[in-house]
């Protein structure tokens, strides 16, 4: 399996971060972005589960989805506890 990403946005001062607080250790690449000191761009955990982020220009959103709103970004938590896409789907659809 080959996984890659193209990080060509400005500023492009990427940092390598590690997270060993969950079931699976994770390596992230992050960059300073606007008001965030570090924004996760891509990552892979020790089981091989990986992600990459894509962004688009700001668009109006329909926030009336009926979904439960949370104050934490789900992606790091999923990377800490899941080893496959099937586990991610089972976790978020549970």
PDB file of N, CA and C in Angstrom:
ATOM      1  N   UNK A   1       0.848  -1.171   0.000  1.00  0.00           N
ATOM      2  CA  UNK A   1       0.000   0.000   0.000  1.00  0.00           C
ATOM      3  C   UNK A   1       0.892   1.232   0.000  1.00  0.00           C
ATOM      4  N   UNK A   2       0.558   2.184  -0.841  1.00  0.00           N
ATOM      5  CA  UNK A   2       1.282   3.446  -0.900  1.00  0.00           C
ATOM      6  C   UNK A   2       0.318   4.560  -0.529  1.00  0.00           C
ATOM      7  N   UNK A   3       0.735   5.452   0.338  1.00  0.00           N
ATOM      8  CA  UNK A   3      -0.097   6.569   0.776  1.00  0.00           C
ATOM      9  C   UNK A   3       0.751   7.819   0.703  1.00  0.00           C
ATOM     10  N   UNK A   4       0.217   8.875   0.109  1.00  0.00           N
ATOM     11  CA  UNK A   4       0.966  10.117   0.010  1.00  0.00           C
ATOM     12  C   UNK A   4       0.051  11.314  -0.001  1.00  0.00           C
ATOM     13  N   UNK A   5       0.622  12.468   0.183  1.00  0.00           N
ATOM     14  CA  UNK A   5      -0.140  13.709   0.165  1.00  0.00           C
ATOM     15  C   UNK A   5       0.701  14.829  -0.402  1.00  0.00           C
ATOM     16  N   UNK A   6       0.045  15.851  -0.893  1.00  0.00           N
ATOM     17  CA  UNK A   6       0.720  17.014  -1.440  1.00  0.00           C
ATOM     18  C   UNK A   6       0.381  18.203  -0.553  1.00  0.00           C
ATOM     19  N   UNK A   7       1.343  18.689   0.162  1.00  0.00           N
ATOM     20  CA  UNK A   7       1.130  19.807   1.082  1.00  0.00           C
ATOM     21  C   UNK A   7       1.789  21.050   0.498  1.00  0.00           C
ATOM     22  N   UNK A   8       1.051  21.777  -0.352  1.00  0.00           N
ATOM     23  CA  UNK A   8       1.650  22.922  -1.032  1.00  0.00           C
ATOM     24  C   UNK A   8       1.016  24.259  -0.649  1.00  0.00           C
ATOM     25  N   UNK A   9       0.248  24.278   0.433  1.00  0.00           N
ATOM     26  CA  UNK A   9      -0.358  25.528   0.863  1.00  0.00           C
ATOM     27  C   UNK A   9       0.682  26.411   1.544  1.00  0.00           C
ATOM     28  N   UNK A  10       0.349  27.668   1.718  1.00  0.00           N
ATOM     29  CA  UNK A  10       1.226  28.607   2.411  1.00  0.00           C
ATOM     30  C   UNK A  10       0.596  28.991   3.739  1.00  0.00           C
ATOM     31  N   UNK A  11       1.275  29.104   4.849  1.00  0.00           N
ATOM     32  CA  UNK A  11       2.680  28.755   4.976  1.00  0.00           C
ATOM     33  C   UNK A  11       2.845  27.240   5.025  1.00  0.00           C
ATOM     34  N   UNK A  12       3.961  26.749   4.573  1.00  0.00           N
ATOM     35  CA  UNK A  12       4.212  25.319   4.591  1.00  0.00           C
ATOM     36  C   UNK A  12       5.421  25.050   5.481  1.00  0.00           C
ATOM     37  N   UNK A  13       5.185  25.100   6.761  1.00  0.00           N
ATOM     38  CA  UNK A  13       6.216  24.833   7.764  1.00  0.00           C
ATOM     39  C   UNK A  13       5.753  23.624   8.569  1.00  0.00           C
ATOM     40  N   UNK A  14       5.785  22.455   7.964  1.00  0.00           N
ATOM     41  CA  UNK A  14       5.228  21.259   8.570  1.00  0.00           C
ATOM     42  C   UNK A  14       6.049  20.784   9.767  1.00  0.00           C
ATOM     43  N   UNK A  15       5.335  20.229  10.729  1.00  0.00           N
ATOM     44  CA  UNK A  15       5.932  19.645  11.920  1.00  0.00           C
ATOM     45  C   UNK A  15       5.513  18.185  11.989  1.00  0.00           C
ATOM     46  N   UNK A  16       6.376  17.345  12.521  1.00  0.00           N
ATOM     47  CA  UNK A  16       6.075  15.950  12.771  1.00  0.00           C
ATOM     48  C   UNK A  16       5.650  15.829  14.224  1.00  0.00           C
ATOM     49  N   UNK A  17       4.462  15.296  14.460  1.00  0.00           N
ATOM     50  CA  UNK A  17       3.934  15.129  15.815  1.00  0.00           C
ATOM     51  C   UNK A  17       3.667  13.660  16.064  1.00  0.00           C
ATOM     52  N   UNK A  18       3.818  13.215  17.300  1.00  0.00           N
ATOM     53  CA  UNK A  18       3.464  11.850  17.661  1.00  0.00           C
ATOM     54  C   UNK A  18       2.434  11.869  18.776  1.00  0.00           C
ATOM     55  N   UNK A  19       1.599  10.834  18.806  1.00  0.00           N
ATOM     56  CA  UNK A  19       0.567  10.685  19.828  1.00  0.00           C
ATOM     57  C   UNK A  19       0.581   9.228  20.269  1.00  0.00           C
ATOM     58  N   UNK A  20       0.898   8.987  21.522  1.00  0.00           N
ATOM     59  CA  UNK A  20       0.928   7.629  22.062  1.00  0.00           C
ATOM     60  C   UNK A  20      -0.101   7.451  23.174  1.00  0.00           C
ATOM     61  N   UNK A  21      -1.157   8.260  23.164  1.00  0.00           N
ATOM     62  CA  UNK A  21      -2.129   8.230  24.256  1.00  0.00           C
ATOM     63  C   UNK A  21      -3.245   7.216  24.063  1.00  0.00           C
ATOM     64  N   UNK A  22      -3.328   6.573  22.903  1.00  0.00           N
ATOM     65  CA  UNK A  22      -4.423   5.645  22.642  1.00  0.00           C
ATOM     66  C   UNK A  22      -3.946   4.218  22.465  1.00  0.00           C
ATOM     67  N   UNK A  23      -4.822   3.387  21.960  1.00  0.00           N
ATOM     68  CA  UNK A  23      -4.487   1.997  21.677  1.00  0.00           C
ATOM     69  C   UNK A  23      -3.396   1.915  20.617  1.00  0.00           C
ATOM     70  N   UNK A  24      -3.451   2.803  19.627  1.00  0.00           N
ATOM     71  CA  UNK A  24      -2.478   2.826  18.542  1.00  0.00           C
ATOM     72  C   UNK A  24      -1.715   4.140  18.558  1.00  0.00           C
ATOM     73  N   UNK A  25      -0.402   4.067  18.418  1.00  0.00           N
ATOM     74  CA  UNK A  25       0.409   5.269  18.286  1.00  0.00           C
ATOM     75  C   UNK A  25       0.212   5.876  16.904  1.00  0.00           C
ATOM     76  N   UNK A  26       0.346   7.196  16.816  1.00  0.00           N
ATOM     77  CA  UNK A  26       0.074   7.913  15.567  1.00  0.00           C
ATOM     78  C   UNK A  26       1.219   8.874  15.270  1.00  0.00           C
ATOM     79  N   UNK A  27       1.534   9.011  13.991  1.00  0.00           N
ATOM     80  CA  UNK A  27       2.448  10.048  13.510  1.00  0.00           C
ATOM     81  C   UNK A  27       1.616  10.990  12.652  1.00  0.00           C
ATOM     82  N   UNK A  28       1.681  12.276  12.968  1.00  0.00           N
ATOM     83  CA  UNK A  28       0.960  13.310  12.218  1.00  0.00           C
ATOM     84  C   UNK A  28       1.947  14.269  11.570  1.00  0.00           C
ATOM     85  N   UNK A  29       1.534  14.879  10.466  1.00  0.00           N
ATOM     86  CA  UNK A  29       2.193  16.062   9.931  1.00  0.00           C
ATOM     87  C   UNK A  29       1.205  17.205  10.116  1.00  0.00           C
ATOM     88  N   UNK A  30       1.680  18.295  10.686  1.00  0.00           N
ATOM     89  CA  UNK A  30       0.819  19.436  10.988  1.00  0.00           C
ATOM     90  C   UNK A  30       1.532  20.715  10.571  1.00  0.00           C
ATOM     91  N   UNK A  31       0.742  21.765  10.364  1.00  0.00           N
ATOM     92  CA  UNK A  31       1.313  23.057   9.973  1.00  0.00           C
ATOM     93  C   UNK A  31       0.548  24.176  10.670  1.00  0.00           C
ATOM     94  N   UNK A  32       1.208  25.298  10.978  1.00  0.00           N
ATOM     95  CA  UNK A  32       0.469  26.456  11.485  1.00  0.00           C
ATOM     96  C   UNK A  32      -0.503  26.932  10.406  1.00  0.00           C
ATOM     97  N   UNK A  33      -1.720  27.277  10.807  1.00  0.00           N
ATOM     98  CA  UNK A  33      -2.711  27.696   9.818  1.00  0.00           C
ATOM     99  C   UNK A  33      -3.657  28.715  10.437  1.00  0.00           C
ATOM    100  N   UNK A  34      -3.661  29.905   9.913  1.00  0.00           N
ATOM    101  CA  UNK A  34      -4.526  31.001  10.349  1.00  0.00           C
ATOM    102  C   UNK A  34      -4.485  31.129  11.862  1.00  0.00           C
ATOM    103  N   UNK A  35      -5.607  30.902  12.559  1.00  0.00           N
ATOM    104  CA  UNK A  35      -5.654  31.094  14.010  1.00  0.00           C
ATOM    105  C   UNK A  35      -5.255  29.851  14.801  1.00  0.00           C
ATOM    106  N   UNK A  36      -4.946  28.739  14.116  1.00  0.00           N
ATOM    107  CA  UNK A  36      -4.582  27.504  14.811  1.00  0.00           C
ATOM    108  C   UNK A  36      -3.067  27.360  14.869  1.00  0.00           C
ATOM    109  N   UNK A  37      -2.524  27.081  16.052  1.00  0.00           N
ATOM    110  CA  UNK A  37      -1.071  26.935  16.142  1.00  0.00           C
ATOM    111  C   UNK A  37      -0.568  25.758  15.305  1.00  0.00           C
ATOM    112  N   UNK A  38      -1.297  24.632  15.287  1.00  0.00           N
ATOM    113  CA  UNK A  38      -0.946  23.489  14.452  1.00  0.00           C
ATOM    114  C   UNK A  38      -2.221  22.833  13.943  1.00  0.00           C
ATOM    115  N   UNK A  39      -2.324  22.667  12.640  1.00  0.00           N
ATOM    116  CA  UNK A  39      -3.470  22.014  12.011  1.00  0.00           C
ATOM    117  C   UNK A  39      -2.999  20.689  11.434  1.00  0.00           C
ATOM    118  N   UNK A  40      -3.663  19.586  11.830  1.00  0.00           N
ATOM    119  CA  UNK A  40      -3.287  18.271  11.318  1.00  0.00           C
ATOM    120  C   UNK A  40      -3.584  18.204   9.825  1.00  0.00           C
ATOM    121  N   UNK A  41      -2.589  17.797   9.040  1.00  0.00           N
ATOM    122  CA  UNK A  41      -2.764  17.686   7.594  1.00  0.00           C
ATOM    123  C   UNK A  41      -2.907  16.227   7.165  1.00  0.00           C
ATOM    124  N   UNK A  42      -2.125  15.354   7.753  1.00  0.00           N
ATOM    125  CA  UNK A  42      -2.140  13.936   7.399  1.00  0.00           C
ATOM    126  C   UNK A  42      -1.592  13.137   8.575  1.00  0.00           C
ATOM    127  N   UNK A  43      -1.901  11.856   8.612  1.00  0.00           N
ATOM    128  CA  UNK A  43      -1.400  11.022   9.685  1.00  0.00           C
ATOM    129  C   UNK A  43      -1.585   9.547   9.394  1.00  0.00           C
ATOM    130  N   UNK A  44      -0.831   8.729  10.121  1.00  0.00           N
ATOM    131  CA  UNK A  44      -0.937   7.284  10.017  1.00  0.00           C
ATOM    132  C   UNK A  44      -0.701   6.690  11.398  1.00  0.00           C
ATOM    133  N   UNK A  45      -1.524   5.686  11.756  1.00  0.00           N
ATOM    134  CA  UNK A  45      -1.297   5.043  13.044  1.00  0.00           C
ATOM    135  C   UNK A  45      -0.524   3.748  12.843  1.00  0.00           C
ATOM    136  N   UNK A  46      -0.107   3.133  13.949  1.00  0.00           N
ATOM    137  CA  UNK A  46       0.774   1.969  13.852  1.00  0.00           C
ATOM    138  C   UNK A  46       0.092   0.756  13.237  1.00  0.00           C
ATOM    139  N   UNK A  47      -1.238   0.761  13.128  1.00  0.00           N
ATOM    140  CA  UNK A  47      -1.959  -0.324  12.468  1.00  0.00           C
ATOM    141  C   UNK A  47      -2.067  -0.092  10.962  1.00  0.00           C
ATOM    142  N   UNK A  48      -1.671   1.105  10.496  1.00  0.00           N
ATOM    143  CA  UNK A  48      -1.723   1.409   9.073  1.00  0.00           C
ATOM    144  C   UNK A  48      -2.911   2.250   8.652  1.00  0.00           C
ATOM    145  N   UNK A  49      -3.814   2.569   9.582  1.00  0.00           N
ATOM    146  CA  UNK A  49      -4.946   3.448   9.257  1.00  0.00           C
ATOM    147  C   UNK A  49      -4.397   4.851   9.027  1.00  0.00           C
ATOM    148  N   UNK A  50      -4.789   5.475   7.926  1.00  0.00           N
ATOM    149  CA  UNK A  50      -4.232   6.783   7.607  1.00  0.00           C
ATOM    150  C   UNK A  50      -5.322   7.722   7.083  1.00  0.00           C
ATOM    151  N   UNK A  51      -5.001   9.018   7.063  1.00  0.00           N
ATOM    152  CA  UNK A  51      -5.922  10.026   6.552  1.00  0.00           C
ATOM    153  C   UNK A  51      -5.126  11.158   5.927  1.00  0.00           C
ATOM    154  N   UNK A  52      -5.803  11.917   5.110  1.00  0.00           N
ATOM    155  CA  UNK A  52      -5.255  13.152   4.570  1.00  0.00           C
ATOM    156  C   UNK A  52      -6.404  14.147   4.517  1.00  0.00           C
ATOM    157  N   UNK A  53      -6.121  15.402   4.666  1.00  0.00           N
ATOM    158  CA  UNK A  53      -7.136  16.445   4.704  1.00  0.00           C
ATOM    159  C   UNK A  53      -7.158  17.198   3.379  1.00  0.00           C
ATOM    160  N   UNK A  54      -8.349  17.521   2.934  1.00  0.00           N
ATOM    161  CA  UNK A  54      -8.540  18.341   1.752  1.00  0.00           C
ATOM    162  C   UNK A  54      -9.352  19.557   2.177  1.00  0.00           C
ATOM    163  N   UNK A  55      -9.074  20.692   1.601  1.00  0.00           N
ATOM    164  CA  UNK A  55      -9.857  21.872   1.954  1.00  0.00           C
ATOM    165  C   UNK A  55     -10.395  22.527   0.694  1.00  0.00           C
ATOM    166  N   UNK A  56     -11.505  23.204   0.876  1.00  0.00           N
ATOM    167  CA  UNK A  56     -12.135  23.942  -0.216  1.00  0.00           C
ATOM    168  C   UNK A  56     -12.424  25.351   0.281  1.00  0.00           C
ATOM    169  N   UNK A  57     -12.665  26.291  -0.607  1.00  0.00           N
ATOM    170  CA  UNK A  57     -13.025  27.631  -0.142  1.00  0.00           C
ATOM    171  C   UNK A  57     -14.274  27.581   0.739  1.00  0.00           C
ATOM    172  N   UNK A  58     -14.402  28.551   1.606  1.00  0.00           N
ATOM    173  CA  UNK A  58     -15.523  28.598   2.541  1.00  0.00           C
ATOM    174  C   UNK A  58     -16.858  28.566   1.790  1.00  0.00           C
ATOM    175  N   UNK A  59     -17.751  27.716   2.281  1.00  0.00           N
ATOM    176  CA  UNK A  59     -19.087  27.551   1.704  1.00  0.00           C
ATOM    177  C   UNK A  59     -20.110  27.629   2.818  1.00  0.00           C
ATOM    178  N   UNK A  60     -21.313  28.130   2.553  1.00  0.00           N
ATOM    179  CA  UNK A  60     -22.356  28.101   3.577  1.00  0.00           C
ATOM    180  C   UNK A  60     -22.765  26.653   3.855  1.00  0.00           C
ATOM    181  N   UNK A  61     -23.002  26.336   5.119  1.00  0.00           N
ATOM    182  CA  UNK A  61     -23.366  24.983   5.519  1.00  0.00           C
ATOM    183  C   UNK A  61     -24.792  24.935   6.053  1.00  0.00           C
ATOM    184  N   UNK A  62     -25.456  23.829   5.839  1.00  0.00           N
ATOM    185  CA  UNK A  62     -26.743  23.559   6.462  1.00  0.00           C
ATOM    186  C   UNK A  62     -26.445  22.847   7.775  1.00  0.00           C
ATOM    187  N   UNK A  63     -26.528  23.551   8.881  1.00  0.00           N
ATOM    188  CA  UNK A  63     -26.176  22.987  10.177  1.00  0.00           C
ATOM    189  C   UNK A  63     -27.327  22.231  10.829  1.00  0.00           C
ATOM    190  N   UNK A  64     -28.471  22.186  10.200  1.00  0.00           N
ATOM    191  CA  UNK A  64     -29.620  21.475  10.754  1.00  0.00           C
ATOM    192  C   UNK A  64     -29.631  20.041  10.232  1.00  0.00           C
ATOM    193  N   UNK A  65     -28.662  19.243  10.680  1.00  0.00           N
ATOM    194  CA  UNK A  65     -28.525  17.880  10.186  1.00  0.00           C
ATOM    195  C   UNK A  65     -29.139  16.848  11.125  1.00  0.00           C
ATOM    196  N   UNK A  66     -29.482  17.250  12.335  1.00  0.00           N
ATOM    197  CA  UNK A  66     -29.994  16.307  13.311  1.00  0.00           C
ATOM    198  C   UNK A  66     -28.895  15.518  14.007  1.00  0.00           C
ATOM    199  N   UNK A  67     -27.634  15.799  13.683  1.00  0.00           N
ATOM    200  CA  UNK A  67     -26.524  15.098  14.307  1.00  0.00           C
ATOM    201  C   UNK A  67     -26.175  15.729  15.654  1.00  0.00           C
ATOM    202  N   UNK A  68     -25.600  14.945  16.514  1.00  0.00           N
ATOM    203  CA  UNK A  68     -25.154  15.440  17.808  1.00  0.00           C
ATOM    204  C   UNK A  68     -23.866  16.249  17.600  1.00  0.00           C
ATOM    205  N   UNK A  69     -23.828  17.441  18.144  1.00  0.00           N
ATOM    206  CA  UNK A  69     -22.645  18.288  18.023  1.00  0.00           C
ATOM    207  C   UNK A  69     -21.699  17.994  19.187  1.00  0.00           C
ATOM    208  N   UNK A  70     -20.420  17.932  18.891  1.00  0.00           N
ATOM    209  CA  UNK A  70     -19.411  17.700  19.919  1.00  0.00           C
ATOM    210  C   UNK A  70     -18.375  18.809  19.842  1.00  0.00           C
ATOM    211  N   UNK A  71     -17.641  18.982  20.926  1.00  0.00           N
ATOM    212  CA  UNK A  71     -16.635  20.036  20.981  1.00  0.00           C
ATOM    213  C   UNK A  71     -15.243  19.550  20.599  1.00  0.00           C
ATOM    214  N   UNK A  72     -15.120  18.276  20.272  1.00  0.00           N
ATOM    215  CA  UNK A  72     -13.810  17.711  19.953  1.00  0.00           C
ATOM    216  C   UNK A  72     -13.826  17.188  18.528  1.00  0.00           C
ATOM    217  N   UNK A  73     -12.722  17.324  17.833  1.00  0.00           N
ATOM    218  CA  UNK A  73     -12.597  16.814  16.486  1.00  0.00           C
ATOM    219  C   UNK A  73     -12.477  15.294  16.575  1.00  0.00           C
ATOM    220  N   UNK A  74     -13.304  14.552  15.874  1.00  0.00           N
ATOM    221  CA  UNK A  74     -13.385  13.099  16.000  1.00  0.00           C
ATOM    222  C   UNK A  74     -12.164  12.380  15.433  1.00  0.00           C
ATOM    223  N   UNK A  75     -11.504  12.941  14.447  1.00  0.00           N
ATOM    224  CA  UNK A  75     -10.440  12.227  13.749  1.00  0.00           C
ATOM    225  C   UNK A  75      -9.317  11.727  14.663  1.00  0.00           C
ATOM    226  N   UNK A  76      -8.730  12.555  15.529  1.00  0.00           N
ATOM    227  CA  UNK A  76      -7.666  12.018  16.403  1.00  0.00           C
ATOM    228  C   UNK A  76      -8.163  10.872  17.288  1.00  0.00           C
ATOM    229  N   UNK A  77      -9.387  10.968  17.798  1.00  0.00           N
ATOM    230  CA  UNK A  77      -9.908   9.886  18.634  1.00  0.00           C
ATOM    231  C   UNK A  77     -10.078   8.600  17.838  1.00  0.00           C
ATOM    232  N   UNK A  78     -10.563   8.703  16.604  1.00  0.00           N
ATOM    233  CA  UNK A  78     -10.705   7.518  15.758  1.00  0.00           C
ATOM    234  C   UNK A  78      -9.340   6.914  15.431  1.00  0.00           C
ATOM    235  N   UNK A  79      -8.353   7.744  15.164  1.00  0.00           N
ATOM    236  CA  UNK A  79      -7.010   7.245  14.868  1.00  0.00           C
ATOM    237  C   UNK A  79      -6.396   6.546  16.080  1.00  0.00           C
ATOM    238  N   UNK A  80      -6.734   6.997  17.296  1.00  0.00           N
ATOM    239  CA  UNK A  80      -6.187   6.388  18.508  1.00  0.00           C
ATOM    240  C   UNK A  80      -6.770   5.005  18.769  1.00  0.00           C
ATOM    241  N   UNK A  81      -8.040   4.780  18.374  1.00  0.00           N
ATOM    242  CA  UNK A  81      -8.713   3.547  18.787  1.00  0.00           C
ATOM    243  C   UNK A  81      -9.048   2.575  17.663  1.00  0.00           C
ATOM    244  N   UNK A  82      -8.917   2.954  16.394  1.00  0.00           N
ATOM    245  CA  UNK A  82      -9.316   2.086  15.281  1.00  0.00           C
ATOM    246  C   UNK A  82      -8.109   1.671  14.448  1.00  0.00           C
ATOM    247  N   UNK A  83      -8.203   0.447  13.888  1.00  0.00           N
ATOM    248  CA  UNK A  83      -7.104  -0.034  13.041  1.00  0.00           C
ATOM    249  C   UNK A  83      -7.513  -0.202  11.586  1.00  0.00           C
ATOM    250  N   UNK A  84      -8.814  -0.153  11.291  1.00  0.00           N
ATOM    251  CA  UNK A  84      -9.286  -0.327   9.918  1.00  0.00           C
ATOM    252  C   UNK A  84     -10.418   0.658   9.628  1.00  0.00           C
ATOM    253  N   UNK A  85     -10.690   0.849   8.344  1.00  0.00           N
ATOM    254  CA  UNK A  85     -11.819   1.694   7.950  1.00  0.00           C
ATOM    255  C   UNK A  85     -13.126   1.091   8.466  1.00  0.00           C
ATOM    256  N   UNK A  86     -13.223  -0.232   8.453  1.00  0.00           N
ATOM    257  CA  UNK A  86     -14.431  -0.894   8.956  1.00  0.00           C
ATOM    258  C   UNK A  86     -14.670  -0.554  10.428  1.00  0.00           C
ATOM    259  N   UNK A  87     -13.600  -0.527  11.243  1.00  0.00           N
ATOM    260  CA  UNK A  87     -13.735  -0.144  12.650  1.00  0.00           C
ATOM    261  C   UNK A  87     -14.172   1.308  12.786  1.00  0.00           C
ATOM    262  N   UNK A  88     -13.640   2.198  11.946  1.00  0.00           N
ATOM    263  CA  UNK A  88     -14.044   3.605  11.983  1.00  0.00           C
ATOM    264  C   UNK A  88     -15.539   3.702  11.698  1.00  0.00           C
ATOM    265  N   UNK A  89     -16.002   3.045  10.642  1.00  0.00           N
ATOM    266  CA  UNK A  89     -17.422   3.099  10.302  1.00  0.00           C
ATOM    267  C   UNK A  89     -18.293   2.525  11.403  1.00  0.00           C
ATOM    268  N   UNK A  90     -17.880   1.415  11.995  1.00  0.00           N
ATOM    269  CA  UNK A  90     -18.646   0.827  13.082  1.00  0.00           C
ATOM    270  C   UNK A  90     -18.705   1.772  14.294  1.00  0.00           C
ATOM    271  N   UNK A  91     -17.626   2.500  14.540  1.00  0.00           N
ATOM    272  CA  UNK A  91     -17.570   3.436  15.670  1.00  0.00           C
ATOM    273  C   UNK A  91     -18.461   4.642  15.435  1.00  0.00           C
ATOM    274  N   UNK A  92     -18.389   5.236  14.258  1.00  0.00           N
ATOM    275  CA  UNK A  92     -19.149   6.463  14.016  1.00  0.00           C
ATOM    276  C   UNK A  92     -20.617   6.184  13.745  1.00  0.00           C
ATOM    277  N   UNK A  93     -20.953   4.978  13.283  1.00  0.00           N
ATOM    278  CA  UNK A  93     -22.342   4.648  12.995  1.00  0.00           C
ATOM    279  C   UNK A  93     -23.017   3.965  14.160  1.00  0.00           C
ATOM    280  N   UNK A  94     -22.295   3.718  15.252  1.00  0.00           N
ATOM    281  CA  UNK A  94     -22.844   3.048  16.438  1.00  0.00           C
ATOM    282  C   UNK A  94     -23.755   3.972  17.201  1.00  0.00           C
TER     283      UNK A  94
END
